[in-house]
Amino acid sequence: MGNRFEFTVIADSDAIGNEAIDAAVAEVQRIEALLTTFNNGSQTSLINDCAGVQPVAVDAEVINLIERSIKISEITDGAFDITYGSIDKKLWNFDKTMTSLPDEATALAAVALIDYKNVLIDKQSNTVFLKNIGMRIGFGGIGKGYAADRAKIVLRKMGIESGIVNAAGDLITWGLQPNGKPWTVGIADPEQTNRPFSSLKISDMAIATSGDYEKFITIGGKRYSHTIDPKTGLPVSGVKSVSIICPSAELADALATPVVVMGVKVGLELINQIKHVACIIVDDDDRVYTSNNINVI
């Protein structure tokens, strides 16, 4: 899925553990084949190819994931939007050659096709239709979390009662360590990503982090994330990283980036309204903010 997946399992033998991990890897590969935009034959690519032309019949699994994605779009007021695939990425290269932002009109034109409300689903016929020619969907903001959740389900069906699925830093854990203690997960330091600035003891929980620490630009003394606001077409600023903690890797993955877009105040207000979801936000001045229901150690 363009990301490194790592599996940690507690099993009675190497053979049992390896068999379970092989099954989990196969599940991730199955989901990748379903959702990728790098294969012209995937269901996602077929939906995109027929944008503005005709509906496309897809698996119920894809329909359900799109429906959940639209719900995330609704609660984040469009800060999360799977139609981001329509964006013209030529305007934002986020390297040393980028010395100014595009003007507002150009940026808005580049995101004109981004609108989750134009994804039309017909549950009876199991079809998806993108209303406008040129629209594209992509599951980069939710897919690896979904795959991690599915891998966990497969591992548990194989009898693995304790483990971790690490989808390029987005983790889901269940059960306990062999010593009977909960798993300990580090929160990456936005300035030094090879070491944590804090940690959480979690079990049967997931955590996903999004931020500008790997890719950003500084223009006029102001730091801009590589994350683009779907409404303005411009890169966001003010937040270095957001970590979401909740029972589902899919939900954690889907909420992390929109909270970056929404900013500290609005992002915290949203998370504080959602049951069983917590977050840690680090702003551009290295101030740490947490939701009401979290204890950081």
Protein backbone atom coordinates (compact mmCIF):
# COMPACT_ATOMS: atom_id res chain seq x y z
CA MET A 1 0.00 0.00 0.00
CA GLY A 2 3.01 2.24 -0.45
CA ASN A 3 3.72 1.78 3.25
CA ARG A 4 5.65 -0.65 5.42
CA PHE A 5 3.48 -2.97 7.52
CA GLU A 6 4.96 -4.72 10.55
CA PHE A 7 3.26 -7.45 12.56
CA THR A 8 4.02 -8.43 16.15
CA VAL A 9 2.18 -11.44 17.54
CA ILE A 10 2.28 -13.48 20.73
CA ALA A 11 1.89 -17.14 19.74
CA ASP A 12 2.54 -20.59 21.19
CA SER A 13 5.11 -21.37 18.49
CA ASP A 14 6.95 -19.81 15.56
CA ALA A 15 4.93 -21.93 13.15
CA ILE A 16 1.60 -20.70 14.51
CA GLY A 17 2.80 -17.10 14.57
CA ASN A 18 4.20 -17.21 11.04
CA GLU A 19 1.05 -18.80 9.64
CA ALA A 20 -1.08 -16.09 11.21
CA ILE A 21 1.20 -13.31 9.93
CA ASP A 22 1.12 -14.78 6.41
CA ALA A 23 -2.68 -14.63 6.51
CA ALA A 24 -2.57 -11.00 7.70
CA VAL A 25 -0.13 -10.05 4.93
CA ALA A 26 -2.43 -11.67 2.37
CA GLU A 27 -5.35 -9.62 3.72
CA VAL A 28 -3.39 -6.36 3.39
CA GLN A 29 -2.44 -7.32 -0.17
CA ARG A 30 -6.09 -8.05 -0.98
CA ILE A 31 -7.15 -4.63 0.27
CA GLU A 32 -4.34 -2.95 -1.63
CA ALA A 33 -5.49 -4.58 -4.88
CA LEU A 34 -9.01 -3.34 -4.18
CA LEU A 35 -8.21 0.26 -3.28
CA THR A 36 -4.99 1.22 -5.07
CA THR A 37 -4.94 3.94 -7.71
CA PHE A 38 -1.67 2.57 -9.13
CA ASN A 39 -3.40 -0.35 -10.85
CA ASN A 40 -5.75 0.47 -13.72
CA GLY A 41 -7.80 -2.63 -12.92
CA SER A 42 -8.58 -1.79 -9.29
CA GLN A 43 -12.12 -0.86 -8.35
CA THR A 44 -10.94 2.60 -7.29
CA SER A 45 -9.34 3.19 -10.69
CA LEU A 46 -12.49 2.02 -12.46
CA ILE A 47 -14.58 4.49 -10.43
CA ASN A 48 -12.18 7.29 -11.36
CA ASP A 49 -12.04 6.35 -15.05
CA CYS A 50 -15.84 6.58 -15.27
CA ALA A 51 -16.16 9.90 -13.42
CA GLY A 52 -18.88 12.03 -15.00
CA VAL A 53 -19.74 9.22 -17.41
CA GLN A 54 -21.43 6.31 -15.65
CA PRO A 55 -21.77 4.51 -12.31
CA VAL A 56 -19.44 1.60 -11.57
CA ALA A 57 -20.46 -1.60 -9.78
CA VAL A 58 -18.08 -2.40 -6.92
CA ASP A 59 -17.89 -4.72 -3.93
CA ALA A 60 -20.04 -3.95 -0.90
CA GLU A 61 -16.80 -3.59 1.06
CA VAL A 62 -15.79 -0.60 -1.08
CA ILE A 63 -19.27 0.92 -0.83
CA ASN A 64 -19.16 0.64 2.95
CA LEU A 65 -15.69 2.22 3.17
CA ILE A 66 -16.81 5.12 0.97
CA GLU A 67 -19.90 5.62 3.14
CA ARG A 68 -17.76 5.75 6.28
CA SER A 69 -15.40 8.17 4.53
CA ILE A 70 -18.31 10.47 3.69
CA LYS A 71 -19.40 10.41 7.34
CA ILE A 72 -15.90 11.55 8.35
CA SER A 73 -16.17 14.32 5.75
CA GLU A 74 -19.46 15.41 7.26
CA ILE A 75 -18.24 15.57 10.86
CA THR A 76 -15.02 17.38 9.82
CA ASP A 77 -16.93 19.80 7.58
CA GLY A 78 -14.97 18.62 4.55
CA ALA A 79 -11.48 18.77 6.09
CA PHE A 80 -11.33 15.04 5.25
CA ASP A 81 -12.37 14.25 1.68
CA ILE A 82 -11.57 11.15 -0.38
CA THR A 83 -12.08 13.18 -3.57
CA TYR A 84 -8.74 14.88 -2.82
CA GLY A 85 -7.41 12.71 -5.66
CA SER A 86 -8.74 15.41 -8.00
CA ILE A 87 -6.18 17.93 -6.75
CA ASP A 88 -3.62 19.39 -9.11
CA LYS A 89 -0.39 18.49 -7.29
CA LYS A 90 1.80 20.45 -9.72
CA LEU A 91 1.29 23.59 -7.65
CA TRP A 92 2.83 22.17 -4.47
CA ASN A 93 6.21 20.49 -4.70
CA PHE A 94 7.31 21.34 -1.12
CA ASP A 95 11.01 21.45 -1.91
CA LYS A 96 13.62 24.21 -1.90
CA THR A 97 12.40 25.55 -5.23
CA MET A 98 9.03 26.50 -3.71
CA THR A 99 9.49 30.08 -2.50
CA SER A 100 5.90 31.33 -2.63
CA LEU A 101 2.36 30.05 -2.36
CA PRO A 102 0.06 30.01 -5.39
CA ASP A 103 -2.41 32.89 -5.45
CA GLU A 104 -5.84 32.23 -3.97
CA ALA A 105 -7.65 32.02 -7.31
CA THR A 106 -5.17 29.50 -8.73
CA ALA A 107 -5.33 27.39 -5.56
CA LEU A 108 -9.13 27.37 -5.57
CA ALA A 109 -9.20 26.33 -9.22
CA ALA A 110 -6.90 23.41 -8.41
CA VAL A 111 -9.32 22.01 -5.84
CA ALA A 112 -12.53 22.79 -7.71
CA LEU A 113 -13.35 19.11 -8.21
CA ILE A 114 -12.89 18.18 -4.54
CA ASP A 115 -16.33 17.66 -3.01
CA TYR A 116 -17.42 14.51 -1.22
CA LYS A 117 -21.05 15.50 -1.83
CA ASN A 118 -20.54 14.64 -5.49
CA VAL A 119 -19.83 10.98 -4.70
CA LEU A 120 -23.13 9.26 -5.44
CA ILE A 121 -23.81 5.80 -4.02
CA ASP A 122 -26.60 3.44 -5.06
CA LYS A 123 -26.87 0.74 -2.40
CA GLN A 124 -29.40 -1.31 -4.36
CA SER A 125 -27.16 -1.77 -7.36
CA ASN A 126 -23.89 -1.44 -5.39
CA THR A 127 -22.61 1.32 -7.67
CA VAL A 128 -20.51 4.43 -7.18
CA PHE A 129 -20.71 7.45 -9.46
CA LEU A 130 -18.47 10.51 -9.40
CA LYS A 131 -20.66 13.33 -10.61
CA ASN A 132 -18.09 15.37 -12.55
CA ILE A 133 -15.55 14.48 -15.22
CA GLY A 134 -12.04 14.71 -13.78
CA MET A 135 -13.05 13.78 -10.25
CA ARG A 136 -10.92 11.19 -8.53
CA ILE A 137 -11.18 9.41 -5.21
CA GLY A 138 -8.30 7.98 -3.22
CA PHE A 139 -8.06 6.16 0.09
CA GLY A 140 -4.66 7.48 1.18
CA GLY A 141 -6.19 9.10 4.25
CA ILE A 142 -8.05 6.03 5.51
CA GLY A 143 -6.88 2.95 3.61
CA LYS A 144 -3.89 1.89 5.68
CA GLY A 145 -5.91 2.23 8.87
CA TYR A 146 -8.65 0.09 7.36
CA ALA A 147 -6.06 -2.48 6.30
CA ALA A 148 -4.57 -2.53 9.81
CA ASP A 149 -8.01 -3.16 11.32
CA ARG A 150 -8.67 -5.96 8.85
CA ALA A 151 -5.26 -7.53 9.53
CA LYS A 152 -6.02 -7.52 13.26
CA ILE A 153 -9.36 -9.27 12.61
CA VAL A 154 -7.59 -11.95 10.57
CA LEU A 155 -4.93 -12.46 13.24
CA ARG A 156 -7.54 -12.83 15.96
CA LYS A 157 -9.47 -15.36 13.88
CA MET A 158 -6.20 -17.29 13.61
CA GLY A 159 -6.07 -17.50 17.40
CA ILE A 160 -3.65 -14.61 18.08
CA GLU A 161 -4.89 -13.08 21.32
CA SER A 162 -2.22 -10.39 21.62
CA GLY A 163 -0.29 -8.36 19.09
CA ILE A 164 0.38 -5.17 17.16
CA VAL A 165 -0.16 -4.20 13.54
CA ASN A 166 2.05 -1.25 12.59
CA ALA A 167 1.02 0.39 9.32
CA ALA A 168 3.88 2.84 8.77
CA GLY A 169 3.48 4.31 12.24
CA ASP A 170 -0.28 3.92 12.48
CA LEU A 171 -0.72 1.22 15.11
CA ILE A 172 -3.46 -0.99 16.41
CA THR A 173 -2.87 -3.14 19.50
CA TRP A 174 -4.78 -5.82 21.33
CA GLY A 175 -4.19 -8.07 24.29
CA LEU A 176 -1.22 -7.72 26.62
CA GLN A 177 2.53 -8.18 26.48
CA PRO A 178 3.92 -11.53 27.72
CA ASN A 179 4.62 -9.83 31.07
CA GLY A 180 0.92 -9.06 31.45
CA LYS A 181 1.33 -5.32 30.94
CA PRO A 182 -0.35 -3.18 28.25
CA TRP A 183 1.60 -2.31 25.12
CA THR A 184 3.56 0.96 25.34
CA VAL A 185 3.43 3.18 22.26
CA GLY A 186 5.68 6.19 21.69
CA ILE A 187 4.48 9.52 20.25
CA ALA A 188 7.06 10.81 17.75
CA ASP A 189 8.84 14.08 18.49
CA PRO A 190 8.01 16.36 15.52
CA GLU A 191 11.55 17.73 15.58
CA GLN A 192 13.34 14.39 16.03
CA THR A 193 11.14 11.64 14.63
CA ASN A 194 13.60 8.90 15.61
CA ARG A 195 12.73 9.39 19.27
CA PRO A 196 9.43 9.78 21.15
CA PHE A 197 8.58 12.87 23.20
CA SER A 198 5.90 10.97 25.12
CA SER A 199 4.35 7.54 25.43
CA LEU A 200 1.01 5.89 26.08
CA LYS A 201 0.16 2.55 27.62
CA ILE A 202 -2.60 1.17 25.44
CA SER A 203 -4.28 -2.12 24.70
CA ASP A 204 -7.17 -2.79 22.36
CA MET A 205 -6.56 0.69 20.97
CA ALA A 206 -5.14 2.30 17.84
CA ILE A 207 -3.05 5.40 17.30
CA ALA A 208 -2.34 7.37 14.11
CA THR A 209 -0.17 10.46 13.66
CA SER A 210 -0.21 13.11 10.95
CA GLY A 211 2.00 16.17 10.72
CA ASP A 212 4.41 18.37 8.80
CA TYR A 213 7.61 17.05 10.34
CA GLU A 214 8.55 14.99 7.29
CA LYS A 215 7.57 17.47 4.58
CA PHE A 216 7.03 21.21 4.94
CA ILE A 217 8.18 24.56 3.62
CA THR A 218 8.94 27.89 5.27
CA ILE A 219 7.88 31.02 3.41
CA GLY A 220 8.21 34.49 4.91
CA GLY A 221 9.20 32.93 8.22
CA LYS A 222 5.98 30.91 8.38
CA ARG A 223 5.94 27.12 8.33
CA TYR A 224 3.48 25.40 5.99
CA SER A 225 2.53 21.71 6.10
CA HIS A 226 2.42 19.54 2.98
CA THR A 227 -1.23 18.98 3.95
CA ILE A 228 -3.57 20.95 1.69
CA ASP A 229 -6.85 22.41 2.93
CA PRO A 230 -9.45 20.99 0.51
CA LYS A 231 -11.52 24.17 0.79
CA THR A 232 -8.83 26.72 -0.03
CA GLY A 233 -6.30 24.70 -1.98
CA LEU A 234 -3.53 26.14 0.18
CA PRO A 235 -1.17 24.36 2.60
CA VAL A 236 -2.11 24.60 6.27
CA SER A 237 -0.02 26.06 9.07
CA GLY A 238 -0.14 26.18 12.84
CA VAL A 239 0.09 22.47 13.67
CA LYS A 240 3.19 20.28 13.58
CA SER A 241 1.57 16.99 14.47
CA VAL A 242 -1.68 15.36 15.53
CA SER A 243 -1.95 11.93 17.14
CA ILE A 244 -5.39 10.32 17.38
CA ILE A 245 -6.07 7.48 19.83
CA CYS A 246 -9.23 5.37 19.54
CA PRO A 247 -10.32 1.71 19.21
CA SER A 248 -10.18 1.71 15.39
CA ALA A 249 -7.08 2.25 13.24
CA GLU A 250 -9.33 3.29 10.36
CA LEU A 251 -10.95 6.05 12.39
CA ALA A 252 -7.63 7.18 13.87
CA ASP A 253 -6.09 7.34 10.40
CA ALA A 254 -9.06 9.25 8.98
CA LEU A 255 -9.20 11.84 11.78
CA ALA A 256 -5.50 12.69 12.11
CA THR A 257 -5.09 14.77 8.94
CA PRO A 258 -8.36 16.74 9.17
CA VAL A 259 -7.48 17.83 12.70
CA VAL A 260 -4.23 19.23 11.24
CA VAL A 261 -6.36 21.14 8.72
CA MET A 262 -8.87 22.33 11.32
CA GLY A 263 -6.24 23.63 13.73
CA VAL A 264 -5.84 23.35 17.49
CA LYS A 265 -9.04 25.00 18.75
CA VAL A 266 -11.54 23.56 16.26
CA GLY A 267 -9.78 20.19 16.17
CA LEU A 268 -9.93 19.77 19.95
CA GLU A 269 -13.57 20.84 20.00
CA LEU A 270 -14.37 18.13 17.48
CA ILE A 271 -12.43 15.35 19.23
CA ASN A 272 -13.92 16.25 22.61
CA GLN A 273 -17.37 15.58 21.16
CA ILE A 274 -16.57 12.07 19.91
CA LYS A 275 -16.82 9.23 22.38
CA HIS A 276 -13.80 6.94 22.83
CA VAL A 277 -11.53 9.21 20.75
CA ALA A 278 -8.61 11.22 22.14
CA CYS A 279 -5.86 13.32 20.61
CA ILE A 280 -2.52 15.00 21.20
CA ILE A 281 -1.68 18.12 19.17
CA VAL A 282 1.71 19.85 18.89
CA ASP A 283 1.57 23.35 17.39
CA ASP A 284 4.23 25.27 15.48
CA ASP A 285 5.54 26.72 18.73
CA ASP A 286 5.96 23.23 20.24
CA ARG A 287 3.06 23.69 22.64
CA VAL A 288 1.29 20.43 23.44
CA TYR A 289 -2.49 20.21 23.65
CA THR A 290 -4.54 17.18 24.63
CA SER A 291 -8.20 16.27 24.50
CA ASN A 292 -10.15 16.03 27.75
CA ASN A 293 -9.91 12.25 28.07
CA ILE A 294 -6.21 11.51 27.77
CA ASN A 295 -3.30 10.94 30.13
CA VAL A 296 0.17 11.33 28.63
CA ILE A 297 3.23 9.91 30.39
